[in-house]
Each structure stands twice: as structure tokens, then as C-alpha cells.
Amino acid sequence: FVLVNLAFALILMEADMFSFLNSILGFYSNCAIAWIVTVATDIMVNK
């Protein structure tokens, strides 16, 4: 899976992801925030 992960990254680079960076990160942040806040809340509040 080191090789699998590197293959995905190389595909993104060749697709010139740098030119639409902020759009990718803005979309991704919604998933990341939901996940991290859920786990952190479970520890701090539920536990």
C-alpha cells in the first residue's frame, strides 16, 4: 500500500492538481472536520 498510495498521488500530480488546489482542499475539509470533531467529541464528552 506504500506503492498504491504513491500511484494515486502520481496520478493527481500528472492531472495538475496544483492549479485547482483550493477547490480540492475546500471540499475535502468538510469530510475531515466531520470525522475529527466526531472522534474528539466522543472522547471529551461521551467518555
ModelCIF file with pLDDT and N, C-alpha, C, O atoms, coordinates in Angstrom:
data_MODEL
#
_entry.id   MODEL 
#
_entity.id                         1 
_entity.type                       polymer 
_entity.pdbx_number_of_molecules   1 
#
_entity_poly.entity_id                      1 
_entity_poly.type                           'polypeptide(L)' 
_entity_poly.nstd_linkage                   no 
_entity_poly.nstd_monomer                   no 
_entity_poly.pdbx_seq_one_letter_code       FVLVNLAFALILMEADMFSFLNSILGFYSNCAIAWIVTVATDIMVNK 
_entity_poly.pdbx_seq_one_letter_code_can   FVLVNLAFALILMEADMFSFLNSILGFYSNCAIAWIVTVATDIMVNK 
_entity_poly.pdbx_strand_id                 A 
#
loop_
_entity_poly_seq.entity_id 
_entity_poly_seq.num 
_entity_poly_seq.mon_id 
_entity_poly_seq.hetero 
1 1  PHE n 
1 2  VAL n 
1 3  LEU n 
1 4  VAL n 
1 5  ASN n 
1 6  LEU n 
1 7  ALA n 
1 8  PHE n 
1 9  ALA n 
1 10 LEU n 
1 11 ILE n 
1 12 LEU n 
1 13 MET n 
1 14 GLU n 
1 15 ALA n 
1 16 ASP n 
1 17 MET n 
1 18 PHE n 
1 19 SER n 
1 20 PHE n 
1 21 LEU n 
1 22 ASN n 
1 23 SER n 
1 24 ILE n 
1 25 LEU n 
1 26 GLY n 
1 27 PHE n 
1 28 TYR n 
1 29 SER n 
1 30 ASN n 
1 31 CYS n 
1 32 ALA n 
1 33 ILE n 
1 34 ALA n 
1 35 TRP n 
1 36 ILE n 
1 37 VAL n 
1 38 THR n 
1 39 VAL n 
1 40 ALA n 
1 41 THR n 
1 42 ASP n 
1 43 ILE n 
1 44 MET n 
1 45 VAL n 
1 46 ASN n 
1 47 LYS n 
#
_struct_asym.id          A 
_struct_asym.entity_id   1 
#
loop_
_ma_qa_metric.id 
_ma_qa_metric.mode 
_ma_qa_metric.name 
_ma_qa_metric.software_group_id 
_ma_qa_metric.type 
1 global pLDDT . pLDDT 
2 local  pLDDT . pLDDT 
#
_ma_qa_metric_global.metric_id      1 
_ma_qa_metric_global.metric_value   86.43 
_ma_qa_metric_global.model_id       1 
_ma_qa_metric_global.ordinal_id     1 
#
loop_
_ma_qa_metric_local.label_asym_id 
_ma_qa_metric_local.label_comp_id 
_ma_qa_metric_local.label_seq_id 
_ma_qa_metric_local.metric_id 
_ma_qa_metric_local.metric_value 
_ma_qa_metric_local.model_id 
_ma_qa_metric_local.ordinal_id 
A PHE 1  2 85.00 1 1  
A VAL 2  2 86.00 1 2  
A LEU 3  2 89.00 1 3  
A VAL 4  2 89.00 1 4  
A ASN 5  2 88.00 1 5  
A LEU 6  2 91.00 1 6  
A ALA 7  2 92.00 1 7  
A PHE 8  2 89.00 1 8  
A ALA 9  2 90.00 1 9  
A LEU 10 2 91.00 1 10 
A ILE 11 2 90.00 1 11 
A LEU 12 2 87.00 1 12 
A MET 13 2 88.00 1 13 
A GLU 14 2 85.00 1 14 
A ALA 15 2 84.00 1 15 
A ASP 16 2 80.00 1 16 
A MET 17 2 71.00 1 17 
A PHE 18 2 64.00 1 18 
A SER 19 2 67.00 1 19 
A PHE 20 2 69.00 1 20 
A LEU 21 2 64.00 1 21 
A ASN 22 2 64.00 1 22 
A SER 23 2 73.00 1 23 
A ILE 24 2 76.00 1 24 
A LEU 25 2 74.00 1 25 
A GLY 26 2 74.00 1 26 
A PHE 27 2 78.00 1 27 
A TYR 28 2 82.00 1 28 
A SER 29 2 85.00 1 29 
A ASN 30 2 90.00 1 30 
A CYS 31 2 91.00 1 31 
A ALA 32 2 90.00 1 32 
A ILE 33 2 94.00 1 33 
A ALA 34 2 95.00 1 34 
A TRP 35 2 95.00 1 35 
A ILE 36 2 96.00 1 36 
A VAL 37 2 96.00 1 37 
A THR 38 2 97.00 1 38 
A VAL 39 2 97.00 1 39 
A ALA 40 2 97.00 1 40 
A THR 41 2 97.00 1 41 
A ASP 42 2 97.00 1 42 
A ILE 43 2 97.00 1 43 
A MET 44 2 97.00 1 44 
A VAL 45 2 97.00 1 45 
A ASN 46 2 97.00 1 46 
A LYS 47 2 97.00 1 47 
#
loop_
_atom_site.group_PDB 
_atom_site.id 
_atom_site.type_symbol 
_atom_site.label_atom_id 
_atom_site.label_alt_id 
_atom_site.label_comp_id 
_atom_site.label_asym_id 
_atom_site.label_entity_id 
_atom_site.label_seq_id 
_atom_site.pdbx_PDB_ins_code 
_atom_site.Cartn_x 
_atom_site.Cartn_y 
_atom_site.Cartn_z 
_atom_site.occupancy 
_atom_site.B_iso_or_equiv 
_atom_site.pdbx_formal_charge 
_atom_site.auth_seq_id 
_atom_site.auth_comp_id 
_atom_site.auth_asym_id 
_atom_site.auth_atom_id 
_atom_site.pdbx_PDB_model_num 
ATOM 1   N N  . PHE A 1 1  ? 0.803   -1.214 0.000   1.00 85.00 ? 1  PHE A N  1 
ATOM 2   C CA . PHE A 1 1  ? 0.000   0.000  0.000   1.00 85.00 ? 1  PHE A CA 1 
ATOM 3   C C  . PHE A 1 1  ? 0.840   1.268  0.000   1.00 85.00 ? 1  PHE A C  1 
ATOM 4   O O  . PHE A 1 1  ? 0.314   2.350  -0.264  1.00 85.00 ? 1  PHE A O  1 
ATOM 5   N N  . VAL A 1 2  ? 2.115   1.162  0.287   1.00 86.00 ? 2  VAL A N  1 
ATOM 6   C CA . VAL A 1 2  ? 3.010   2.291  0.006   1.00 86.00 ? 2  VAL A CA 1 
ATOM 7   C C  . VAL A 1 2  ? 2.954   2.581  -1.492  1.00 86.00 ? 2  VAL A C  1 
ATOM 8   O O  . VAL A 1 2  ? 2.808   3.732  -1.904  1.00 86.00 ? 2  VAL A O  1 
ATOM 9   N N  . LEU A 1 3  ? 3.070   1.541  -2.294  1.00 89.00 ? 3  LEU A N  1 
ATOM 10  C CA . LEU A 1 3  ? 3.064   1.698  -3.746  1.00 89.00 ? 3  LEU A CA 1 
ATOM 11  C C  . LEU A 1 3  ? 1.697   2.154  -4.253  1.00 89.00 ? 3  LEU A C  1 
ATOM 12  O O  . LEU A 1 3  ? 1.621   2.976  -5.167  1.00 89.00 ? 3  LEU A O  1 
ATOM 13  N N  . VAL A 1 4  ? 0.609   1.626  -3.664  1.00 89.00 ? 4  VAL A N  1 
ATOM 14  C CA . VAL A 1 4  ? -0.730  2.055  -4.059  1.00 89.00 ? 4  VAL A CA 1 
ATOM 15  C C  . VAL A 1 4  ? -0.926  3.540  -3.784  1.00 89.00 ? 4  VAL A C  1 
ATOM 16  O O  . VAL A 1 4  ? -1.437  4.273  -4.631  1.00 89.00 ? 4  VAL A O  1 
ATOM 17  N N  . ASN A 1 5  ? -0.520  3.979  -2.601  1.00 88.00 ? 5  ASN A N  1 
ATOM 18  C CA . ASN A 1 5  ? -0.679  5.382  -2.234  1.00 88.00 ? 5  ASN A CA 1 
ATOM 19  C C  . ASN A 1 5  ? 0.132   6.297  -3.156  1.00 88.00 ? 5  ASN A C  1 
ATOM 20  O O  . ASN A 1 5  ? -0.337  7.362  -3.559  1.00 88.00 ? 5  ASN A O  1 
ATOM 21  N N  . LEU A 1 6  ? 1.348   5.871  -3.482  1.00 91.00 ? 6  LEU A N  1 
ATOM 22  C CA . LEU A 1 6  ? 2.189   6.669  -4.371  1.00 91.00 ? 6  LEU A CA 1 
ATOM 23  C C  . LEU A 1 6  ? 1.597   6.724  -5.778  1.00 91.00 ? 6  LEU A C  1 
ATOM 24  O O  . LEU A 1 6  ? 1.711   7.743  -6.459  1.00 91.00 ? 6  LEU A O  1 
ATOM 25  N N  . ALA A 1 7  ? 0.970   5.644  -6.212  1.00 92.00 ? 7  ALA A N  1 
ATOM 26  C CA . ALA A 1 7  ? 0.352   5.643  -7.540  1.00 92.00 ? 7  ALA A CA 1 
ATOM 27  C C  . ALA A 1 7  ? -0.793  6.652  -7.615  1.00 92.00 ? 7  ALA A C  1 
ATOM 28  O O  . ALA A 1 7  ? -0.909  7.389  -8.594  1.00 92.00 ? 7  ALA A O  1 
ATOM 29  N N  . PHE A 1 8  ? -1.648  6.687  -6.571  1.00 89.00 ? 8  PHE A N  1 
ATOM 30  C CA . PHE A 1 8  ? -2.729  7.676  -6.536  1.00 89.00 ? 8  PHE A CA 1 
ATOM 31  C C  . PHE A 1 8  ? -2.160  9.104  -6.567  1.00 89.00 ? 8  PHE A C  1 
ATOM 32  O O  . PHE A 1 8  ? -2.670  9.966  -7.283  1.00 89.00 ? 8  PHE A O  1 
ATOM 33  N N  . ALA A 1 9  ? -1.110  9.339  -5.791  1.00 90.00 ? 9  ALA A N  1 
ATOM 34  C CA . ALA A 1 9  ? -0.512  10.670 -5.740  1.00 90.00 ? 9  ALA A CA 1 
ATOM 35  C C  . ALA A 1 9  ? 0.059   11.075 -7.096  1.00 90.00 ? 9  ALA A C  1 
ATOM 36  O O  . ALA A 1 9  ? -0.103  12.218 -7.525  1.00 90.00 ? 9  ALA A O  1 
ATOM 37  N N  . LEU A 1 10 ? 0.722   10.147 -7.764  1.00 91.00 ? 10 LEU A N  1 
ATOM 38  C CA . LEU A 1 10 ? 1.313   10.450 -9.068  1.00 91.00 ? 10 LEU A CA 1 
ATOM 39  C C  . LEU A 1 10 ? 0.243   10.796 -10.089 1.00 91.00 ? 10 LEU A C  1 
ATOM 40  O O  . LEU A 1 10 ? 0.433   11.689 -10.914 1.00 91.00 ? 10 LEU A O  1 
ATOM 41  N N  . ILE A 1 11 ? -0.886  10.090 -10.037 1.00 90.00 ? 11 ILE A N  1 
ATOM 42  C CA . ILE A 1 11 ? -1.995  10.397 -10.951 1.00 90.00 ? 11 ILE A CA 1 
ATOM 43  C C  . ILE A 1 11 ? -2.502  11.816 -10.721 1.00 90.00 ? 11 ILE A C  1 
ATOM 44  O O  . ILE A 1 11 ? -2.758  12.548 -11.677 1.00 90.00 ? 11 ILE A O  1 
ATOM 45  N N  . LEU A 1 12 ? -2.647  12.207 -9.451  1.00 87.00 ? 12 LEU A N  1 
ATOM 46  C CA . LEU A 1 12 ? -3.095  13.571 -9.150  1.00 87.00 ? 12 LEU A CA 1 
ATOM 47  C C  . LEU A 1 12 ? -2.096  14.615 -9.647  1.00 87.00 ? 12 LEU A C  1 
ATOM 48  O O  . LEU A 1 12 ? -2.487  15.654 -10.179 1.00 87.00 ? 12 LEU A O  1 
ATOM 49  N N  . MET A 1 13 ? -0.814  14.336 -9.472  1.00 88.00 ? 13 MET A N  1 
ATOM 50  C CA . MET A 1 13 ? 0.198   15.284 -9.943  1.00 88.00 ? 13 MET A CA 1 
ATOM 51  C C  . MET A 1 13 ? 0.142   15.447 -11.455 1.00 88.00 ? 13 MET A C  1 
ATOM 52  O O  . MET A 1 13 ? 0.184   16.565 -11.966 1.00 88.00 ? 13 MET A O  1 
ATOM 53  N N  . GLU A 1 14 ? 0.047   14.337 -12.163 1.00 85.00 ? 14 GLU A N  1 
ATOM 54  C CA . GLU A 1 14 ? 0.002   14.410 -13.617 1.00 85.00 ? 14 GLU A CA 1 
ATOM 55  C C  . GLU A 1 14 ? -1.272  15.103 -14.095 1.00 85.00 ? 14 GLU A C  1 
ATOM 56  O O  . GLU A 1 14 ? -1.312  15.636 -15.204 1.00 85.00 ? 14 GLU A O  1 
ATOM 57  N N  . ALA A 1 15 ? -2.311  15.097 -13.261 1.00 84.00 ? 15 ALA A N  1 
ATOM 58  C CA . ALA A 1 15 ? -3.565  15.790 -13.596 1.00 84.00 ? 15 ALA A CA 1 
ATOM 59  C C  . ALA A 1 15 ? -3.508  17.278 -13.249 1.00 84.00 ? 15 ALA A C  1 
ATOM 60  O O  . ALA A 1 15 ? -4.495  17.995 -13.414 1.00 84.00 ? 15 ALA A O  1 
ATOM 61  N N  . ASP A 1 16 ? -2.345  17.744 -12.767 1.00 80.00 ? 16 ASP A N  1 
ATOM 62  C CA . ASP A 1 16 ? -2.125  19.163 -12.450 1.00 80.00 ? 16 ASP A CA 1 
ATOM 63  C C  . ASP A 1 16 ? -3.053  19.657 -11.349 1.00 80.00 ? 16 ASP A C  1 
ATOM 64  O O  . ASP A 1 16 ? -3.728  20.676 -11.494 1.00 80.00 ? 16 ASP A O  1 
ATOM 65  N N  . MET A 1 17 ? -3.072  18.908 -10.238 1.00 71.00 ? 17 MET A N  1 
ATOM 66  C CA . MET A 1 17 ? -3.934  19.284 -9.125  1.00 71.00 ? 17 MET A CA 1 
ATOM 67  C C  . MET A 1 17 ? -3.571  20.637 -8.534  1.00 71.00 ? 17 MET A C  1 
ATOM 68  O O  . MET A 1 17 ? -4.419  21.282 -7.917  1.00 71.00 ? 17 MET A O  1 
ATOM 69  N N  . PHE A 1 18 ? -2.331  21.080 -8.707  1.00 64.00 ? 18 PHE A N  1 
ATOM 70  C CA . PHE A 1 18 ? -1.903  22.348 -8.115  1.00 64.00 ? 18 PHE A CA 1 
ATOM 71  C C  . PHE A 1 18 ? -2.729  23.517 -8.643  1.00 64.00 ? 18 PHE A C  1 
ATOM 72  O O  . PHE A 1 18 ? -2.921  24.514 -7.947  1.00 64.00 ? 18 PHE A O  1 
ATOM 73  N N  . SER A 1 19 ? -3.220  23.388 -9.884  1.00 67.00 ? 19 SER A N  1 
ATOM 74  C CA . SER A 1 19 ? -3.951  24.501 -10.485 1.00 67.00 ? 19 SER A CA 1 
ATOM 75  C C  . SER A 1 19 ? -5.345  24.680 -9.887  1.00 67.00 ? 19 SER A C  1 
ATOM 76  O O  . SER A 1 19 ? -5.929  25.757 -10.006 1.00 67.00 ? 19 SER A O  1 
ATOM 77  N N  . PHE A 1 20 ? -5.892  23.634 -9.240  1.00 69.00 ? 20 PHE A N  1 
ATOM 78  C CA . PHE A 1 20 ? -7.205  23.788 -8.593  1.00 69.00 ? 20 PHE A CA 1 
ATOM 79  C C  . PHE A 1 20 ? -7.127  23.337 -7.134  1.00 69.00 ? 20 PHE A C  1 
ATOM 80  O O  . PHE A 1 20 ? -8.033  22.684 -6.617  1.00 69.00 ? 20 PHE A O  1 
ATOM 81  N N  . LEU A 1 21 ? -6.025  23.701 -6.490  1.00 64.00 ? 21 LEU A N  1 
ATOM 82  C CA . LEU A 1 21 ? -5.726  23.265 -5.127  1.00 64.00 ? 21 LEU A CA 1 
ATOM 83  C C  . LEU A 1 21 ? -6.800  23.660 -4.125  1.00 64.00 ? 21 LEU A C  1 
ATOM 84  O O  . LEU A 1 21 ? -7.309  22.807 -3.398  1.00 64.00 ? 21 LEU A O  1 
ATOM 85  N N  . ASN A 1 22 ? -7.151  24.943 -4.076  1.00 64.00 ? 22 ASN A N  1 
ATOM 86  C CA . ASN A 1 22 ? -8.078  25.400 -3.036  1.00 64.00 ? 22 ASN A CA 1 
ATOM 87  C C  . ASN A 1 22 ? -9.448  24.756 -3.155  1.00 64.00 ? 22 ASN A C  1 
ATOM 88  O O  . ASN A 1 22 ? -10.117 24.544 -2.143  1.00 64.00 ? 22 ASN A O  1 
ATOM 89  N N  . SER A 1 23 ? -9.881  24.438 -4.376  1.00 73.00 ? 23 SER A N  1 
ATOM 90  C CA . SER A 1 23 ? -11.177 23.771 -4.558  1.00 73.00 ? 23 SER A CA 1 
ATOM 91  C C  . SER A 1 23 ? -11.145 22.362 -3.975  1.00 73.00 ? 23 SER A C  1 
ATOM 92  O O  . SER A 1 23 ? -12.099 21.936 -3.324  1.00 73.00 ? 23 SER A O  1 
ATOM 93  N N  . ILE A 1 24 ? -10.048 21.638 -4.208  1.00 76.00 ? 24 ILE A N  1 
ATOM 94  C CA . ILE A 1 24 ? -9.905  20.289 -3.662  1.00 76.00 ? 24 ILE A CA 1 
ATOM 95  C C  . ILE A 1 24 ? -9.908  20.330 -2.142  1.00 76.00 ? 24 ILE A C  1 
ATOM 96  O O  . ILE A 1 24 ? -10.615 19.563 -1.489  1.00 76.00 ? 24 ILE A O  1 
ATOM 97  N N  . LEU A 1 25 ? -9.104  21.242 -1.585  1.00 74.00 ? 25 LEU A N  1 
ATOM 98  C CA . LEU A 1 25 ? -8.968  21.298 -0.136  1.00 74.00 ? 25 LEU A CA 1 
ATOM 99  C C  . LEU A 1 25 ? -10.252 21.782 0.537   1.00 74.00 ? 25 LEU A C  1 
ATOM 100 O O  . LEU A 1 25 ? -10.606 21.297 1.612   1.00 74.00 ? 25 LEU A O  1 
ATOM 101 N N  . GLY A 1 26 ? -10.945 22.726 -0.080  1.00 74.00 ? 26 GLY A N  1 
ATOM 102 C CA . GLY A 1 26 ? -12.199 23.212 0.490   1.00 74.00 ? 26 GLY A CA 1 
ATOM 103 C C  . GLY A 1 26 ? -13.244 22.116 0.578   1.00 74.00 ? 26 GLY A C  1 
ATOM 104 O O  . GLY A 1 26 ? -13.959 22.014 1.575   1.00 74.00 ? 26 GLY A O  1 
ATOM 105 N N  . PHE A 1 27 ? -13.339 21.288 -0.470  1.00 78.00 ? 27 PHE A N  1 
ATOM 106 C CA . PHE A 1 27 ? -14.272 20.156 -0.459  1.00 78.00 ? 27 PHE A CA 1 
ATOM 107 C C  . PHE A 1 27 ? -13.846 19.117 0.577   1.00 78.00 ? 27 PHE A C  1 
ATOM 108 O O  . PHE A 1 27 ? -14.664 18.649 1.369   1.00 78.00 ? 27 PHE A O  1 
ATOM 109 N N  . TYR A 1 28 ? -12.569 18.763 0.565   1.00 82.00 ? 28 TYR A N  1 
ATOM 110 C CA . TYR A 1 28 ? -12.085 17.700 1.448   1.00 82.00 ? 28 TYR A CA 1 
ATOM 111 C C  . TYR A 1 28 ? -12.238 18.072 2.922   1.00 82.00 ? 28 TYR A C  1 
ATOM 112 O O  . TYR A 1 28 ? -12.494 17.209 3.761   1.00 82.00 ? 28 TYR A O  1 
ATOM 113 N N  . SER A 1 29 ? -12.081 19.351 3.231   1.00 85.00 ? 29 SER A N  1 
ATOM 114 C CA . SER A 1 29 ? -12.099 19.770 4.636   1.00 85.00 ? 29 SER A CA 1 
ATOM 115 C C  . SER A 1 29 ? -13.413 19.429 5.316   1.00 85.00 ? 29 SER A C  1 
ATOM 116 O O  . SER A 1 29 ? -13.431 19.186 6.523   1.00 85.00 ? 29 SER A O  1 
ATOM 117 N N  . ASN A 1 30 ? -14.512 19.404 4.574   1.00 90.00 ? 30 ASN A N  1 
ATOM 118 C CA . ASN A 1 30 ? -15.802 19.087 5.189   1.00 90.00 ? 30 ASN A CA 1 
ATOM 119 C C  . ASN A 1 30 ? -15.825 17.668 5.743   1.00 90.00 ? 30 ASN A C  1 
ATOM 120 O O  . ASN A 1 30 ? -16.340 17.434 6.836   1.00 90.00 ? 30 ASN A O  1 
ATOM 121 N N  . CYS A 1 31 ? -15.266 16.716 4.987   1.00 91.00 ? 31 CYS A N  1 
ATOM 122 C CA . CYS A 1 31 ? -15.192 15.332 5.469   1.00 91.00 ? 31 CYS A CA 1 
ATOM 123 C C  . CYS A 1 31 ? -14.235 15.215 6.644   1.00 91.00 ? 31 CYS A C  1 
ATOM 124 O O  . CYS A 1 31 ? -14.539 14.555 7.638   1.00 91.00 ? 31 CYS A O  1 
ATOM 125 N N  . ALA A 1 32 ? -13.083 15.854 6.528   1.00 90.00 ? 32 ALA A N  1 
ATOM 126 C CA . ALA A 1 32 ? -12.067 15.752 7.578   1.00 90.00 ? 32 ALA A CA 1 
ATOM 127 C C  . ALA A 1 32 ? -12.553 16.358 8.888   1.00 90.00 ? 32 ALA A C  1 
ATOM 128 O O  . ALA A 1 32 ? -12.345 15.785 9.957   1.00 90.00 ? 32 ALA A O  1 
ATOM 129 N N  . ILE A 1 33 ? -13.199 17.515 8.806   1.00 94.00 ? 33 ILE A N  1 
ATOM 130 C CA . ILE A 1 33 ? -13.714 18.172 10.017  1.00 94.00 ? 33 ILE A CA 1 
ATOM 131 C C  . ILE A 1 33 ? -14.754 17.286 10.694  1.00 94.00 ? 33 ILE A C  1 
ATOM 132 O O  . ILE A 1 33 ? -14.715 17.097 11.909  1.00 94.00 ? 33 ILE A O  1 
ATOM 133 N N  . ALA A 1 34 ? -15.692 16.738 9.904   1.00 95.00 ? 34 ALA A N  1 
ATOM 134 C CA . ALA A 1 34 ? -16.750 15.898 10.470  1.00 95.00 ? 34 ALA A CA 1 
ATOM 135 C C  . ALA A 1 34 ? -16.161 14.702 11.205  1.00 95.00 ? 34 ALA A C  1 
ATOM 136 O O  . ALA A 1 34 ? -16.627 14.354 12.289  1.00 95.00 ? 34 ALA A O  1 
ATOM 137 N N  . TRP A 1 35 ? -15.155 14.076 10.637  1.00 95.00 ? 35 TRP A N  1 
ATOM 138 C CA . TRP A 1 35 ? -14.524 12.901 11.251  1.00 95.00 ? 35 TRP A CA 1 
ATOM 139 C C  . TRP A 1 35 ? -13.796 13.258 12.544  1.00 95.00 ? 35 TRP A C  1 
ATOM 140 O O  . TRP A 1 35 ? -14.051 12.660 13.589  1.00 95.00 ? 35 TRP A O  1 
ATOM 141 N N  . ILE A 1 36 ? -12.893 14.229 12.473  1.00 96.00 ? 36 ILE A N  1 
ATOM 142 C CA . ILE A 1 36 ? -12.058 14.560 13.631  1.00 96.00 ? 36 ILE A CA 1 
ATOM 143 C C  . ILE A 1 36 ? -12.904 15.099 14.785  1.00 96.00 ? 36 ILE A C  1 
ATOM 144 O O  . ILE A 1 36 ? -12.680 14.734 15.940  1.00 96.00 ? 36 ILE A O  1 
ATOM 145 N N  . VAL A 1 37 ? -13.873 15.963 14.479  1.00 96.00 ? 37 VAL A N  1 
ATOM 146 C CA . VAL A 1 37 ? -14.718 16.524 15.540  1.00 96.00 ? 37 VAL A CA 1 
ATOM 147 C C  . VAL A 1 37 ? -15.567 15.428 16.174  1.00 96.00 ? 37 VAL A C  1 
ATOM 148 O O  . VAL A 1 37 ? -15.792 15.446 17.384  1.00 96.00 ? 37 VAL A O  1 
ATOM 149 N N  . THR A 1 38 ? -16.040 14.476 15.375  1.00 97.00 ? 38 THR A N  1 
ATOM 150 C CA . THR A 1 38 ? -16.831 13.373 15.933  1.00 97.00 ? 38 THR A CA 1 
ATOM 151 C C  . THR A 1 38 ? -16.014 12.558 16.926  1.00 97.00 ? 38 THR A C  1 
ATOM 152 O O  . THR A 1 38 ? -16.485 12.279 18.028  1.00 97.00 ? 38 THR A O  1 
ATOM 153 N N  . VAL A 1 39 ? -14.805 12.175 16.555  1.00 97.00 ? 39 VAL A N  1 
ATOM 154 C CA . VAL A 1 39 ? -13.965 11.359 17.440  1.00 97.00 ? 39 VAL A CA 1 
ATOM 155 C C  . VAL A 1 39 ? -13.546 12.153 18.672  1.00 97.00 ? 39 VAL A C  1 
ATOM 156 O O  . VAL A 1 39 ? -13.592 11.637 19.789  1.00 97.00 ? 39 VAL A O  1 
ATOM 157 N N  . ALA A 1 40 ? -13.139 13.404 18.475  1.00 97.00 ? 40 ALA A N  1 
ATOM 158 C CA . ALA A 1 40 ? -12.724 14.231 19.609  1.00 97.00 ? 40 ALA A CA 1 
ATOM 159 C C  . ALA A 1 40 ? -13.884 14.449 20.578  1.00 97.00 ? 40 ALA A C  1 
ATOM 160 O O  . ALA A 1 40 ? -13.685 14.432 21.792  1.00 97.00 ? 40 ALA A O  1 
ATOM 161 N N  . THR A 1 41 ? -15.095 14.656 20.054  1.00 97.00 ? 41 THR A N  1 
ATOM 162 C CA . THR A 1 41 ? -16.262 14.853 20.910  1.00 97.00 ? 41 THR A CA 1 
ATOM 163 C C  . THR A 1 41 ? -16.601 13.578 21.669  1.00 97.00 ? 41 THR A C  1 
ATOM 164 O O  . THR A 1 41 ? -16.978 13.630 22.840  1.00 97.00 ? 41 THR A O  1 
ATOM 165 N N  . ASP A 1 42 ? -16.467 12.437 21.006  1.00 97.00 ? 42 ASP A N  1 
ATOM 166 C CA . ASP A 1 42 ? -16.752 11.176 21.691  1.00 97.00 ? 42 ASP A CA 1 
ATOM 167 C C  . ASP A 1 42 ? -15.808 10.993 22.886  1.00 97.00 ? 42 ASP A C  1 
ATOM 168 O O  . ASP A 1 42 ? -16.221 10.526 23.948  1.00 97.00 ? 42 ASP A O  1 
ATOM 169 N N  . ILE A 1 43 ? -14.541 11.365 22.701  1.00 97.00 ? 43 ILE A N  1 
ATOM 170 C CA . ILE A 1 43 ? -13.582 11.222 23.799  1.00 97.00 ? 43 ILE A CA 1 
ATOM 171 C C  . ILE A 1 43 ? -13.887 12.222 24.916  1.00 97.00 ? 43 ILE A C  1 
ATOM 172 O O  . ILE A 1 43 ? -14.000 11.850 26.084  1.00 97.00 ? 43 ILE A O  1 
ATOM 173 N N  . MET A 1 44 ? -14.019 13.482 24.543  1.00 97.00 ? 44 MET A N  1 
ATOM 174 C CA . MET A 1 44 ? -14.171 14.531 25.560  1.00 97.00 ? 44 MET A CA 1 
ATOM 175 C C  . MET A 1 44 ? -15.531 14.494 26.250  1.00 97.00 ? 44 MET A C  1 
ATOM 176 O O  . MET A 1 44 ? -15.614 14.655 27.467  1.00 97.00 ? 44 MET A O  1 
ATOM 177 N N  . VAL A 1 45 ? -16.592 14.283 25.481  1.00 97.00 ? 45 VAL A N  1 
ATOM 178 C CA . VAL A 1 45 ? -17.946 14.380 26.029  1.00 97.00 ? 45 VAL A CA 1 
ATOM 179 C C  . VAL A 1 45 ? -18.490 13.003 26.417  1.00 97.00 ? 45 VAL A C  1 
ATOM 180 O O  . VAL A 1 45 ? -18.884 12.783 27.562  1.00 97.00 ? 45 VAL A O  1 
ATOM 181 N N  . ASN A 1 46 ? -18.508 12.087 25.457  1.00 97.00 ? 46 ASN A N  1 
ATOM 182 C CA . ASN A 1 46 ? -19.138 10.785 25.730  1.00 97.00 ? 46 ASN A CA 1 
ATOM 183 C C  . ASN A 1 46 ? -18.345 9.932  26.715  1.00 97.00 ? 46 ASN A C  1 
ATOM 184 O O  . ASN A 1 46 ? -18.935 9.207  27.516  1.00 97.00 ? 46 ASN A O  1 
ATOM 185 N N  . LYS A 1 47 ? -17.035 10.008 26.667  1.00 97.00 ? 47 LYS A N  1 
ATOM 186 C CA . LYS A 1 47 ? -16.217 9.185  27.564  1.00 97.00 ? 47 LYS A CA 1 
ATOM 187 C C  . LYS A 1 47 ? -16.063 9.836  28.941  1.00 97.00 ? 47 LYS A C  1 
ATOM 188 O O  . LYS A 1 47 ? -15.404 9.277  29.818  1.00 97.00 ? 47 LYS A O  1 
#
